[in-house]
Amino acid sequence: MSSPSPESGVEEALRRLEWQPVVLADAPRRLDLLPLTPSWPTRQLRIRVHRNTPLEYVTSLLPPFLAYAGLSATFDHGDYDDSLSSAGTPGTGADVELVWLDFDRYRSADPLALADWLRERLRSLRAQTLAPLLVADWPGGGPAQEFNRELELIREELPDTAVTDLSAVAARLGDAFLDPRTKDLGGTSMSARAAVLTAQRMGLRWLPALVAPRVKGLAVDLDNTLYDGVLGEDGPEGVVLTPGHEALQRTLRGLREDGVLLALVSRNEPEDVDDLFARRTDFPLRMEDFSARAVGWGAKSDGVAAAAETMRISTDAVVLVDDNAGELAEVAAGVGVCGLLHAADPAATARALDLFPGLHGHARTEEDSLRAADLAASAHRAAAPTGDPDAYLASLQVHLRLALDARDQLPRMAALAAKTNQFNTALRRTGQAEFAGWLDADDAHVVTAALADRLSDSGVVAVVAGRRGPEERLVVEELCVSCRALGRGVEDVLLSAAVGRLMEVTEAGTVSVPYTPGPRNEPARAWLATHARGPCLTAGRYCCPGMRRHAARSSPMHRSP
C-alpha cells in the first residue's frame, strides 16, 4: 500500500478542522452529526459490552466522535444481565471491555455491598482479559455518590481500569438528563440530549484515553488567540484580555499542571513578547509556564518543529492552537502534528480543549507533574562540562534508584511502554494488566529505575521486565527508557544496573533482548549492539552475555539499592 501524499494529509487535516464546530460543540446536534463521514483512515476497535440496559442509543451516535479521534468501533452487545455473569467468561479478543449498568436497578441494595459485588465481578473479568476495563459510574446523589467513591477505590485496585464520568453529564443537564417517556419505547430513561453528550464524551475522552497516545504538548499562538489584538500593532498595554481569553488561559494553565507541556509559537519580535509578559501581570499564563518558545518571523511549521525538539517530543504528539486558518494549513502541510485547533472564539476553544482526544483521562503519574521542571533543568545540564563523562556525571550528582516489582508504579510502567519511541527495544506497548501479570508470576520480574540529580528529580524514567528462560538465560520482554533521561550519558549505567538486578533475582547468566525496528527506535538498537555478542543471533533478538560485568563497572553515579 502506498503512503498517503502530502496533499492528502493536508486535506485530511483541514477536513477535521471543518468537523470541529460540530463534534467539539457545547451541544452537538444529531442532524449535524449524521452527514459526517471520515476521509481519513481510522483504527478499528472491538468493544465487548457487559450491560443490563440498552446502550445502542449511545453507540449509534459514536462514529463521528470516534472518527475525529482517529478511531472506529464495532460493539459486541451482550445480553441484558443484572448479575454480570459474562464477566467470568474468557475474553474474545476485545480491545476494550465496557461495563455499562443501570445502577438504579440495584437501588434497594446497600451502596457498599453493591460496590463489593461489582469489585468481585470486575476481578473475575480482569482475570479473563488483558484489555482495559471501562466502567460507567452511577449518576445521581445520595447512594450514588457513596457508591462512586467506592468505585474510585476499585479503579485504583484493578490495573488498567477506568471509570467514566457519566455523572458529570447528569450534573450538567440536571432534570433534563432523564426523560421518562423514553423508558417504555427504548428501555432506558436517558434523554436524547444526554445520549448525544454521553456519545461525545465516550468518543472523544473515555475511549481514546484507553487506546490512543496522550497529547504531550500544546503549541499555542499569541495574537487573537491568547488575547484580543495584535501585539506588534497594539502594544503590550493595548491587547485586551477578554473574559473568554482569560478563561482560555486558565484552561491552558490547568492542562500544564496536569502534565501537558506548553510551547509558545508566535510570529512576533522576541523582545516584544518578553515585554508583553513582563507588563501584563493580569495574564493567568506566565512566561515560565511555557516549556519552549519559538518566536520569530519564520514559518509556523518550523516553529512547531523547533518547539517539539526543545520539549524532547515528536511533533505527532503536539496539537497546534491558532486563530489563523492559513497558519493551521501551513503547519498541516509542513509538519506532522497530532491535531489542529482553530481558536476562532476563546470560549469555544476552551470547550474544545476540554474534549480534545488525548488530553484527558489518561492515568496521571508523579512523573507527569515533574516533566516541565525536569525539562527546564535540561538546559542547565547541557551547560555542564562534557569532556570527561565521569566528571560530567559527578558534577550533576546523579542518583539512580532501582525498584523491584513495585506494584504502585504500574501506571508509570504502562505509560513508559506506551509513550517511549526512541529507546524502546520491542515496541510491545505492554499495558497495566500484563505488567501486573508479570508481577504475580513466579518466573518474571519488573525493575523500574528512577533518576535524580542536583538540578531536578526526573522520577521513574525506565522499565525493564524479564523472565528466566532456558539455559539460565534472562529473556527481557520490555526495555524502555524515557527521552527525558537521554542526553546525560546515563543510559549504559542505568540499563546495565536494571538488567543486572533482573539477572540476580532470576539467577541468569546471559541476557536475550528482543528488538523490533520502528521509525524512531534506532537509539535502542545501537545500545543493544554495543552489548551484543555479534549481530542479532535470531530473528529480532540480541544475546548480551556480558551485561552483568557492565552493571558492576565503576561509575560516579550514586545508586540505591
Protein backbone atom coordinates (compact mmCIF):
# COMPACT_ATOMS: atom_id res chain seq x y z
CA MET A 1 0.00 0.00 0.00
CA SER A 2 1.43 3.37 -0.96
CA SER A 3 1.91 6.10 1.63
CA PRO A 4 -0.59 8.98 1.57
CA SER A 5 0.61 12.00 -0.37
CA PRO A 6 1.39 15.28 1.45
CA GLU A 7 -1.60 16.80 -0.31
CA SER A 8 -3.96 14.15 1.06
CA GLY A 9 -2.53 14.66 4.55
CA VAL A 10 -3.25 18.38 4.37
CA GLU A 11 -6.73 17.71 3.05
CA GLU A 12 -7.47 15.32 5.92
CA ALA A 13 -6.21 17.84 8.49
CA LEU A 14 -8.37 20.60 7.01
CA ARG A 15 -11.35 18.27 6.83
CA ARG A 16 -11.02 17.58 10.55
CA LEU A 17 -10.91 21.32 11.16
CA GLU A 18 -14.25 21.56 9.37
CA TRP A 19 -15.65 18.98 11.81
CA GLN A 20 -14.50 20.96 14.86
CA PRO A 21 -17.61 23.18 15.28
CA VAL A 22 -19.81 20.06 15.19
CA VAL A 23 -18.04 17.34 17.18
CA LEU A 24 -16.49 19.72 19.75
CA ALA A 25 -19.64 21.81 20.13
CA ASP A 26 -21.10 22.57 23.54
CA ALA A 27 -24.33 20.87 22.47
CA PRO A 28 -23.88 18.76 19.32
CA ARG A 29 -26.96 18.25 17.14
CA ARG A 30 -27.88 14.85 15.79
CA LEU A 31 -28.72 16.23 12.36
CA ASP A 32 -25.29 17.85 12.11
CA LEU A 33 -23.56 14.60 13.10
CA LEU A 34 -25.30 12.30 10.63
CA PRO A 35 -23.56 13.54 7.42
CA LEU A 36 -20.05 13.29 8.89
CA THR A 37 -18.04 10.52 7.23
CA PRO A 38 -14.24 10.46 7.69
CA SER A 39 -11.98 10.79 4.67
CA TRP A 40 -9.00 9.56 6.71
CA PRO A 41 -8.02 6.09 7.96
CA THR A 42 -9.18 5.06 11.44
CA ARG A 43 -8.04 2.41 13.89
CA GLN A 44 -10.72 -0.25 14.28
CA LEU A 45 -11.64 -1.24 17.84
CA ARG A 46 -13.62 -4.19 19.08
CA ILE A 47 -15.56 -3.43 22.25
CA ARG A 48 -17.34 -6.06 24.33
CA VAL A 49 -20.26 -4.65 26.32
CA HIS A 50 -21.46 -6.11 29.63
CA ARG A 51 -24.78 -4.47 30.40
CA ASN A 52 -28.22 -4.62 31.95
CA THR A 53 -29.64 -1.71 29.95
CA PRO A 54 -29.68 -0.64 26.30
CA LEU A 55 -26.55 1.14 25.07
CA GLU A 56 -27.33 1.27 21.37
CA TYR A 57 -28.87 4.74 21.76
CA VAL A 58 -25.35 5.95 22.63
CA THR A 59 -23.20 3.74 20.39
CA SER A 60 -25.24 4.66 17.31
CA LEU A 61 -24.07 8.26 17.78
CA LEU A 62 -20.42 7.39 18.36
CA PRO A 63 -18.94 7.12 14.81
CA PRO A 64 -18.25 10.83 14.11
CA PHE A 65 -16.78 11.43 17.57
CA LEU A 66 -14.56 8.35 17.34
CA ALA A 67 -13.55 9.24 13.77
CA TYR A 68 -12.41 12.67 14.92
CA ALA A 69 -10.14 10.82 17.35
CA GLY A 70 -8.88 8.57 14.54
CA LEU A 71 -10.88 5.57 15.72
CA SER A 72 -13.84 3.42 14.72
CA ALA A 73 -15.50 0.59 16.61
CA THR A 74 -17.66 -2.47 16.46
CA PHE A 75 -19.66 -3.36 19.57
CA ASP A 76 -20.43 -6.83 20.88
CA HIS A 77 -23.53 -6.04 22.96
CA GLY A 78 -24.06 -8.82 25.46
CA ASP A 79 -27.43 -9.92 26.79
CA TYR A 80 -29.15 -7.85 29.48
CA ASP A 81 -27.84 -9.35 32.70
CA ASP A 82 -28.10 -7.82 36.18
CA SER A 83 -25.74 -10.50 37.51
CA LEU A 84 -22.88 -9.72 35.06
CA SER A 85 -22.35 -13.42 34.52
CA SER A 86 -20.40 -12.67 31.31
CA ALA A 87 -17.60 -11.21 33.47
CA GLY A 88 -16.45 -14.74 34.26
CA THR A 89 -16.19 -15.88 30.65
CA PRO A 90 -12.91 -15.76 28.68
CA GLY A 91 -12.20 -12.67 26.61
CA THR A 92 -12.82 -12.75 22.88
CA GLY A 93 -10.01 -10.55 21.64
CA ALA A 94 -11.76 -7.31 22.54
CA ASP A 95 -9.73 -4.10 22.65
CA VAL A 96 -11.91 -2.72 25.47
CA GLU A 97 -14.27 -4.35 27.98
CA LEU A 98 -17.12 -1.91 28.70
CA VAL A 99 -19.29 -2.39 31.79
CA TRP A 100 -22.48 -0.35 31.43
CA LEU A 101 -25.05 -0.81 34.18
CA ASP A 102 -28.21 0.99 35.19
CA PHE A 103 -27.47 1.10 38.91
CA ASP A 104 -30.97 2.33 39.70
CA ARG A 105 -31.99 -1.31 39.21
CA TYR A 106 -29.98 -2.07 42.38
CA ARG A 107 -31.27 0.93 44.35
CA SER A 108 -32.57 -1.23 47.21
CA ALA A 109 -29.06 -2.62 47.79
CA ASP A 110 -26.62 -1.09 50.26
CA PRO A 111 -24.14 1.05 48.20
CA LEU A 112 -21.09 -0.51 49.85
CA ALA A 113 -22.43 -4.03 49.40
CA LEU A 114 -23.20 -3.22 45.77
CA ALA A 115 -19.64 -1.94 45.30
CA ASP A 116 -18.23 -5.12 46.85
CA TRP A 117 -20.31 -7.22 44.45
CA LEU A 118 -19.09 -5.18 41.46
CA ARG A 119 -15.49 -5.42 42.70
CA GLU A 120 -15.75 -9.21 42.67
CA ARG A 121 -17.29 -9.21 39.18
CA LEU A 122 -14.61 -6.89 37.80
CA ARG A 123 -11.86 -9.00 39.34
CA SER A 124 -13.30 -12.01 37.51
CA LEU A 125 -13.35 -10.01 34.30
CA ARG A 126 -9.79 -8.81 34.77
CA ALA A 127 -8.64 -12.42 35.24
CA GLN A 128 -10.07 -13.27 31.81
CA THR A 129 -8.60 -10.46 29.70
CA LEU A 130 -5.66 -8.08 29.32
CA ALA A 131 -7.85 -5.46 27.63
CA PRO A 132 -8.55 -2.23 29.53
CA LEU A 133 -11.80 -2.11 31.52
CA LEU A 134 -14.13 0.88 31.25
CA VAL A 135 -16.85 1.08 33.89
CA ALA A 136 -19.73 3.57 33.89
CA ASP A 137 -20.35 5.33 37.19
CA TRP A 138 -23.77 5.91 38.80
CA PRO A 139 -25.34 9.32 38.04
CA GLY A 140 -27.25 10.83 40.93
CA GLY A 141 -26.93 11.79 44.57
CA GLY A 142 -27.16 10.04 47.91
CA PRO A 143 -26.36 6.33 47.48
CA ALA A 144 -24.92 7.01 44.01
CA GLN A 145 -22.26 9.31 45.42
CA GLU A 146 -21.34 6.82 48.14
CA PHE A 147 -21.12 4.07 45.54
CA ASN A 148 -19.00 6.20 43.18
CA ARG A 149 -16.48 6.90 45.92
CA GLU A 150 -16.04 3.17 46.36
CA LEU A 151 -15.86 2.73 42.59
CA GLU A 152 -12.83 5.03 42.52
CA LEU A 153 -11.12 2.73 45.02
CA ILE A 154 -11.90 -0.24 42.79
CA ARG A 155 -10.35 1.65 39.85
CA GLU A 156 -7.15 2.10 41.85
CA GLU A 157 -7.07 -1.57 42.86
CA LEU A 158 -7.54 -3.10 39.41
CA PRO A 159 -4.83 -2.46 36.79
CA ASP A 160 -5.82 -0.78 33.53
CA THR A 161 -9.30 0.10 34.75
CA ALA A 162 -11.01 3.43 34.08
CA VAL A 163 -14.28 4.91 35.30
CA THR A 164 -16.46 7.12 33.13
CA ASP A 165 -17.75 10.42 34.47
CA LEU A 166 -21.31 9.85 33.29
CA SER A 167 -22.33 11.61 36.48
CA ALA A 168 -20.74 14.79 35.06
CA VAL A 169 -23.15 14.65 32.12
CA ALA A 170 -26.03 14.16 34.56
CA ALA A 171 -24.86 17.07 36.73
CA ARG A 172 -24.68 19.36 33.70
CA LEU A 173 -28.17 18.50 32.42
CA GLY A 174 -29.93 18.25 35.78
CA ASP A 175 -33.51 17.08 35.37
CA ALA A 176 -33.03 17.02 31.58
CA PHE A 177 -30.69 14.02 31.92
CA LEU A 178 -33.72 11.75 32.18
CA ASP A 179 -36.83 11.53 30.03
CA PRO A 180 -39.35 9.05 31.47
CA ARG A 181 -41.16 8.97 28.11
CA THR A 182 -38.29 7.01 26.58
CA LYS A 183 -38.46 4.21 29.17
CA ASP A 184 -41.26 2.27 27.52
CA LEU A 185 -40.03 2.96 23.99
CA GLY A 186 -36.31 2.31 24.35
CA GLY A 187 -35.86 0.60 27.69
CA THR A 188 -33.91 3.49 29.17
CA SER A 189 -34.77 6.78 30.84
CA MET A 190 -31.72 8.61 29.45
CA SER A 191 -32.88 11.59 27.42
CA ALA A 192 -31.91 12.23 23.80
CA ARG A 193 -29.75 15.19 24.87
CA ALA A 194 -27.97 13.03 27.43
CA ALA A 195 -27.32 10.32 24.82
CA VAL A 196 -25.60 12.80 22.48
CA LEU A 197 -23.40 14.26 25.24
CA THR A 198 -22.55 10.77 26.50
CA ALA A 199 -21.55 9.66 22.99
CA GLN A 200 -19.43 12.80 22.65
CA ARG A 201 -17.61 12.11 25.90
CA MET A 202 -17.19 8.42 25.16
CA GLY A 203 -15.83 9.02 21.66
CA LEU A 204 -13.54 11.94 22.48
CA ARG A 205 -12.41 11.30 26.06
CA TRP A 206 -13.17 7.90 27.54
CA LEU A 207 -12.19 5.50 24.75
CA PRO A 208 -9.21 7.47 23.33
CA ALA A 209 -7.74 7.63 26.85
CA LEU A 210 -7.66 3.83 26.93
CA VAL A 211 -6.32 3.02 23.47
CA ALA A 212 -4.69 6.12 21.96
CA PRO A 213 -1.50 8.03 22.84
CA ARG A 214 -1.66 11.04 25.10
CA VAL A 215 -1.13 14.53 23.68
CA LYS A 216 2.18 15.60 25.21
CA GLY A 217 2.36 19.22 24.11
CA LEU A 218 0.25 22.18 23.02
CA ALA A 219 1.81 24.75 20.68
CA VAL A 220 -0.09 27.99 21.27
CA ASP A 221 -0.24 31.16 19.18
CA LEU A 222 -0.42 34.64 20.75
CA ASP A 223 -2.25 37.32 18.71
CA ASN A 224 -6.05 36.91 18.74
CA THR A 225 -5.57 33.51 20.41
CA LEU A 226 -4.50 34.23 23.99
CA TYR A 227 -5.90 37.77 23.87
CA ASP A 228 -7.82 40.11 21.55
CA GLY A 229 -5.45 42.19 19.46
CA VAL A 230 -2.12 42.21 17.64
CA LEU A 231 0.96 42.76 19.77
CA GLY A 232 3.00 44.45 17.02
CA GLU A 233 0.24 46.98 16.37
CA ASP A 234 -1.50 47.45 19.72
CA GLY A 235 1.50 47.06 22.03
CA PRO A 236 1.58 45.20 25.37
CA GLU A 237 -0.95 47.51 27.02
CA GLY A 238 -3.27 47.65 24.01
CA VAL A 239 -4.11 43.96 23.65
CA VAL A 240 -7.29 43.03 25.51
CA LEU A 241 -7.71 40.12 27.91
CA THR A 242 -11.42 39.44 27.46
CA PRO A 243 -13.26 37.16 29.92
CA GLY A 244 -13.21 34.44 27.25
CA HIS A 245 -9.46 34.76 26.71
CA GLU A 246 -8.86 34.75 30.45
CA ALA A 247 -10.84 31.50 30.74
CA LEU A 248 -8.84 30.02 27.85
CA GLN A 249 -5.54 30.93 29.50
CA ARG A 250 -6.72 29.35 32.76
CA THR A 251 -7.70 26.19 30.86
CA LEU A 252 -4.23 26.02 29.31
CA ARG A 253 -2.58 26.53 32.66
CA GLY A 254 -4.69 23.75 34.13
CA LEU A 255 -3.55 21.40 31.36
CA ARG A 256 0.05 22.33 32.10
CA GLU A 257 -0.49 21.45 35.77
CA ASP A 258 -1.91 18.13 34.55
CA GLY A 259 1.37 17.33 32.80
CA VAL A 260 0.81 18.73 29.28
CA LEU A 261 3.77 20.79 28.03
CA LEU A 262 3.03 24.25 26.63
CA ALA A 263 5.01 25.87 23.82
CA LEU A 264 4.67 29.47 22.66
CA VAL A 265 4.83 29.62 18.85
CA SER A 266 4.24 33.13 17.54
CA ARG A 267 5.19 35.35 14.62
CA ASN A 268 6.34 38.34 16.64
CA GLU A 269 9.51 40.06 17.78
CA PRO A 270 11.01 38.12 20.71
CA GLU A 271 11.70 41.35 22.64
CA ASP A 272 8.05 42.40 22.27
CA VAL A 273 6.85 39.06 23.64
CA ASP A 274 9.19 39.30 26.63
CA ASP A 275 7.88 42.83 27.28
CA LEU A 276 4.28 41.63 26.97
CA PHE A 277 4.57 39.01 29.70
CA ALA A 278 6.61 41.34 31.91
CA ARG A 279 3.92 44.01 31.78
CA ARG A 280 0.69 42.02 31.66
CA THR A 281 0.59 40.66 35.18
CA ASP A 282 -3.17 40.14 34.69
CA PHE A 283 -2.48 37.21 32.35
CA PRO A 284 -3.12 33.86 34.07
CA LEU A 285 -0.33 32.39 31.91
CA ARG A 286 3.21 33.48 32.70
CA MET A 287 6.28 33.10 30.53
CA GLU A 288 7.62 30.38 32.82
CA ASP A 289 4.56 28.26 32.03
CA PHE A 290 5.94 27.65 28.53
CA SER A 291 8.49 24.86 28.27
CA ALA A 292 9.53 26.01 24.79
CA ARG A 293 9.39 29.24 22.78
CA ALA A 294 9.62 29.67 19.03
CA VAL A 295 9.05 33.39 18.44
CA GLY A 296 10.12 34.97 15.17
CA TRP A 297 9.14 35.51 11.55
CA GLY A 298 9.87 32.08 10.12
CA ALA A 299 7.26 29.59 9.01
CA LYS A 300 4.90 28.47 11.75
CA SER A 301 5.64 24.84 10.87
CA ASP A 302 9.34 25.44 11.56
CA GLY A 303 8.39 26.99 14.90
CA VAL A 304 6.29 23.96 15.88
CA ALA A 305 9.13 21.60 14.90
CA ALA A 306 11.68 23.64 16.89
CA ALA A 307 9.40 23.76 19.94
CA ALA A 308 8.85 20.00 19.82
CA GLU A 309 12.59 19.42 19.66
CA THR A 310 13.10 21.65 22.69
CA MET A 311 10.41 19.73 24.57
CA ARG A 312 12.02 16.44 23.50
CA ILE A 313 8.83 15.10 21.98
CA SER A 314 7.77 14.23 18.46
CA THR A 315 5.62 16.70 16.53
CA ASP A 316 2.98 13.96 16.21
CA ALA A 317 2.40 14.36 19.97
CA VAL A 318 1.70 18.11 19.59
CA VAL A 319 -1.56 19.98 18.97
CA LEU A 320 -1.41 23.50 17.48
CA VAL A 321 -3.87 26.09 18.81
CA ASP A 322 -4.08 29.08 16.44
CA ASP A 323 -6.73 31.60 15.33
CA ASN A 324 -5.30 31.84 11.78
CA ALA A 325 -6.68 29.19 9.43
CA GLY A 326 -3.87 29.88 6.97
CA GLU A 327 -1.23 29.17 9.62
CA LEU A 328 -3.02 25.94 10.54
CA ALA A 329 -2.96 24.85 6.90
CA GLU A 330 0.72 25.72 6.58
CA VAL A 331 1.58 23.61 9.62
CA ALA A 332 -0.53 20.73 8.29
CA ALA A 333 1.48 20.88 5.06
CA GLY A 334 4.87 21.40 6.68
CA VAL A 335 5.00 19.12 9.72
CA GLY A 336 3.03 16.16 11.06
CA VAL A 337 1.13 17.14 14.21
CA CYS A 338 -1.48 15.09 16.00
CA GLY A 339 -4.11 17.81 15.86
CA LEU A 340 -5.10 21.34 14.95
CA LEU A 341 -7.49 23.61 16.86
CA HIS A 342 -8.91 26.69 15.19
CA ALA A 343 -9.09 29.25 18.01
CA ALA A 344 -11.67 31.48 16.32
CA ASP A 345 -13.52 32.05 19.61
CA PRO A 346 -11.83 31.77 23.03
CA ALA A 347 -14.82 30.24 24.83
CA ALA A 348 -15.30 27.63 22.10
CA THR A 349 -11.56 26.89 22.16
CA ALA A 350 -11.61 26.31 25.92
CA ARG A 351 -14.52 23.88 25.46
CA ALA A 352 -12.66 22.16 22.63
CA LEU A 353 -9.62 21.67 24.85
CA ASP A 354 -11.89 20.10 27.47
CA LEU A 355 -12.92 17.46 24.92
CA PHE A 356 -9.93 17.10 22.60
CA PRO A 357 -8.85 13.44 22.26
CA GLY A 358 -5.65 12.60 24.09
CA LEU A 359 -5.72 15.49 26.55
CA HIS A 360 -7.84 13.88 29.26
CA GLY A 361 -8.48 10.63 31.05
CA HIS A 362 -5.03 9.08 30.87
CA ALA A 363 -3.68 7.75 34.14
CA ARG A 364 -1.66 10.55 35.68
CA THR A 365 1.61 9.69 37.34
CA GLU A 366 4.03 11.60 39.52
CA GLU A 367 6.30 11.93 36.50
CA ASP A 368 3.67 14.00 34.68
CA SER A 369 3.93 16.73 37.30
CA LEU A 370 7.75 16.57 37.20
CA ARG A 371 8.02 16.83 33.42
CA ALA A 372 8.03 20.61 32.96
CA ALA A 373 10.52 21.25 35.79
CA ASP A 374 12.79 18.47 34.55
CA LEU A 375 12.70 19.90 31.04
CA ALA A 376 13.65 23.34 32.35
CA ALA A 377 16.64 21.79 34.11
CA SER A 378 17.88 20.17 30.90
CA ALA A 379 19.28 23.48 29.65
CA HIS A 380 21.44 23.74 32.78
CA ARG A 381 22.60 20.15 32.34
CA ALA A 382 23.65 20.94 28.78
CA ALA A 383 25.84 23.74 30.14
CA ALA A 384 27.77 21.36 32.40
CA PRO A 385 31.28 20.29 31.28
CA THR A 386 31.10 17.29 28.93
CA GLY A 387 34.74 16.48 28.15
CA ASP A 388 35.03 13.75 30.76
CA PRO A 389 31.83 11.63 31.11
CA ASP A 390 32.64 10.64 34.68
CA ALA A 391 33.37 14.25 35.64
CA TYR A 392 30.08 15.29 33.99
CA LEU A 393 28.04 12.75 35.99
CA ALA A 394 29.91 13.67 39.16
CA SER A 395 29.18 17.38 38.64
CA LEU A 396 25.47 16.64 38.26
CA GLN A 397 25.43 14.40 41.36
CA VAL A 398 23.32 11.82 39.53
CA HIS A 399 21.39 9.39 41.76
CA LEU A 400 19.87 6.18 40.40
CA ARG A 401 17.12 4.38 42.36
CA LEU A 402 16.04 0.87 41.39
CA ALA A 403 12.80 -0.79 42.48
CA LEU A 404 11.88 -4.45 42.02
CA ASP A 405 8.26 -5.45 41.34
CA ALA A 406 6.84 -2.13 42.60
CA ARG A 407 3.09 -2.58 42.14
CA ASP A 408 2.39 1.06 42.98
CA GLN A 409 4.30 2.01 39.81
CA LEU A 410 2.06 0.03 37.44
CA PRO A 411 0.61 3.16 35.76
CA ARG A 412 4.11 4.51 35.11
CA MET A 413 5.31 1.15 33.74
CA ALA A 414 2.46 1.12 31.22
CA ALA A 415 2.95 4.80 30.38
CA LEU A 416 6.62 4.22 29.57
CA ALA A 417 5.81 1.24 27.36
CA ALA A 418 3.07 3.19 25.56
CA LYS A 419 4.83 6.53 25.10
CA THR A 420 8.50 5.69 24.61
CA ASN A 421 9.58 5.52 20.98
CA GLN A 422 13.34 6.21 20.75
CA PHE A 423 14.67 3.87 23.44
CA ASN A 424 12.13 1.07 23.24
CA THR A 425 13.55 -2.28 22.14
CA ALA A 426 10.44 -4.39 21.48
CA LEU A 427 7.69 -1.79 20.90
CA ARG A 428 5.25 -4.18 22.63
CA ARG A 429 3.17 -1.39 24.21
CA THR A 430 2.54 -3.56 27.27
CA GLY A 431 -0.48 -2.50 29.31
CA GLN A 432 -1.00 -2.38 33.06
CA ALA A 433 -2.81 -5.70 33.17
CA GLU A 434 0.07 -7.58 31.53
CA PHE A 435 2.64 -5.87 33.75
CA ALA A 436 0.52 -6.88 36.75
CA GLY A 437 0.56 -10.47 35.49
CA TRP A 438 4.35 -10.39 35.37
CA LEU A 439 4.47 -9.09 38.93
CA ASP A 440 2.32 -12.01 40.07
CA ALA A 441 4.24 -14.66 38.12
CA ASP A 442 6.91 -16.75 39.85
CA ASP A 443 9.33 -16.64 36.93
CA ALA A 444 9.00 -12.96 35.90
CA HIS A 445 10.06 -9.67 37.46
CA VAL A 446 9.97 -5.96 36.64
CA VAL A 447 12.62 -3.39 37.55
CA THR A 448 11.93 0.34 37.39
CA ALA A 449 14.66 2.96 37.50
CA ALA A 450 14.22 6.49 38.87
CA LEU A 451 16.71 9.25 38.19
CA ALA A 452 17.52 12.46 40.02
CA ASP A 453 20.37 14.95 40.02
CA ARG A 454 21.18 18.23 41.72
CA LEU A 455 19.01 20.13 39.21
CA SER A 456 15.75 18.14 39.31
CA ASP A 457 14.02 14.86 40.05
CA SER A 458 13.10 13.07 36.82
CA GLY A 459 11.11 10.34 38.57
CA VAL A 460 10.82 6.86 37.06
CA VAL A 461 12.47 7.01 33.65
CA ALA A 462 12.99 3.35 32.70
CA VAL A 463 11.34 -0.04 32.98
CA VAL A 464 12.90 -3.45 32.27
CA ALA A 465 10.82 -6.62 32.53
CA GLY A 466 12.02 -10.18 32.02
CA ARG A 467 11.64 -13.81 32.90
CA ARG A 468 14.01 -16.74 33.31
CA GLY A 469 14.16 -18.76 30.13
CA PRO A 470 16.01 -21.93 29.11
CA GLU A 471 19.75 -22.37 29.61
CA GLU A 472 19.87 -19.95 32.59
CA ARG A 473 19.06 -17.06 30.27
CA LEU A 474 17.16 -13.91 31.21
CA VAL A 475 14.62 -13.19 28.46
CA VAL A 476 13.86 -9.46 28.50
CA GLU A 477 10.26 -8.70 27.47
CA GLU A 478 10.27 -4.89 27.87
CA LEU A 479 13.14 -2.42 27.91
CA CYS A 480 12.20 1.26 27.72
CA VAL A 481 13.96 4.48 28.68
CA SER A 482 12.16 7.83 28.61
CA CYS A 483 13.63 10.52 26.38
CA ARG A 484 13.89 12.75 29.47
CA ALA A 485 16.73 10.51 30.69
CA LEU A 486 18.67 10.66 27.44
CA GLY A 487 21.47 13.13 26.83
CA ARG A 488 23.14 12.76 30.23
CA GLY A 489 25.24 9.74 29.30
CA VAL A 490 23.48 7.60 31.89
CA GLU A 491 21.78 5.04 29.66
CA ASP A 492 24.58 2.49 29.84
CA VAL A 493 24.92 2.51 33.61
CA LEU A 494 21.17 2.75 34.22
CA LEU A 495 20.18 -0.14 31.98
CA SER A 496 23.13 -2.31 32.94
CA ALA A 497 22.15 -1.88 36.59
CA ALA A 498 18.48 -2.63 35.91
CA VAL A 499 19.22 -5.69 33.77
CA GLY A 500 21.85 -6.80 36.27
CA ARG A 501 19.23 -6.66 39.04
CA LEU A 502 16.95 -8.92 37.00
CA MET A 503 19.83 -11.31 36.39
CA GLU A 504 20.46 -11.52 40.12
CA VAL A 505 16.87 -12.26 41.06
CA THR A 506 16.42 -14.82 38.25
CA GLU A 507 19.90 -16.29 38.73
CA ALA A 508 20.53 -15.94 35.00
CA GLY A 509 23.96 -15.90 33.37
CA THR A 510 23.15 -14.40 29.98
CA VAL A 511 20.58 -11.99 28.59
CA SER A 512 18.41 -12.20 25.49
CA VAL A 513 16.72 -8.95 24.39
CA PRO A 514 14.12 -8.74 21.59
CA TYR A 515 14.32 -5.90 19.12
CA THR A 516 11.56 -4.72 16.80
CA PRO A 517 12.64 -1.98 14.39
CA GLY A 518 10.44 1.09 14.39
CA PRO A 519 10.52 4.54 12.82
CA ARG A 520 12.42 6.13 15.73
CA ASN A 521 13.98 3.42 17.94
CA GLU A 522 17.45 3.28 16.38
CA PRO A 523 19.00 4.52 19.70
CA ALA A 524 17.76 1.33 21.37
CA ARG A 525 19.24 -0.87 18.63
CA ALA A 526 22.56 0.97 18.79
CA TRP A 527 22.74 0.43 22.55
CA LEU A 528 21.94 -3.24 22.17
CA ALA A 529 24.63 -3.62 19.52
CA THR A 530 27.32 -2.39 21.93
CA HIS A 531 26.42 -5.17 24.40
CA ALA A 532 25.59 -8.00 22.00
CA ARG A 533 27.76 -10.96 21.12
CA GLY A 534 28.00 -10.35 17.40
CA PRO A 535 24.97 -9.38 15.32
CA CYS A 536 21.38 -10.29 16.11
CA LEU A 537 21.60 -14.05 16.69
CA THR A 538 17.97 -14.91 16.00
CA ALA A 539 15.22 -13.01 14.27
CA GLY A 540 14.66 -9.88 16.27
CA ARG A 541 16.70 -10.93 19.30
CA TYR A 542 20.11 -9.94 20.66
CA CYS A 543 22.17 -12.02 23.07
CA CYS A 544 24.12 -9.95 25.61
CA PRO A 545 26.23 -12.32 27.73
CA GLY A 546 28.38 -9.66 29.39
CA MET A 547 25.63 -7.48 30.83
CA ARG A 548 26.43 -8.27 34.48
CA ARG A 549 30.01 -7.05 34.02
CA HIS A 550 28.75 -3.74 32.68
CA ALA A 551 26.46 -3.38 35.66
CA ALA A 552 29.36 -3.80 38.01
CA ARG A 553 31.64 -1.26 36.38
CA SER A 554 32.63 1.74 38.45
CA SER A 555 30.66 4.93 37.91
CA PRO A 556 30.38 8.25 39.73
CA MET A 557 26.61 7.81 39.68
CA HIS A 558 25.21 7.06 43.14
CA ARG A 559 22.93 4.03 43.12
CA SER A 560 20.38 2.67 45.57
CA PRO A 561 19.65 -0.01 46.45
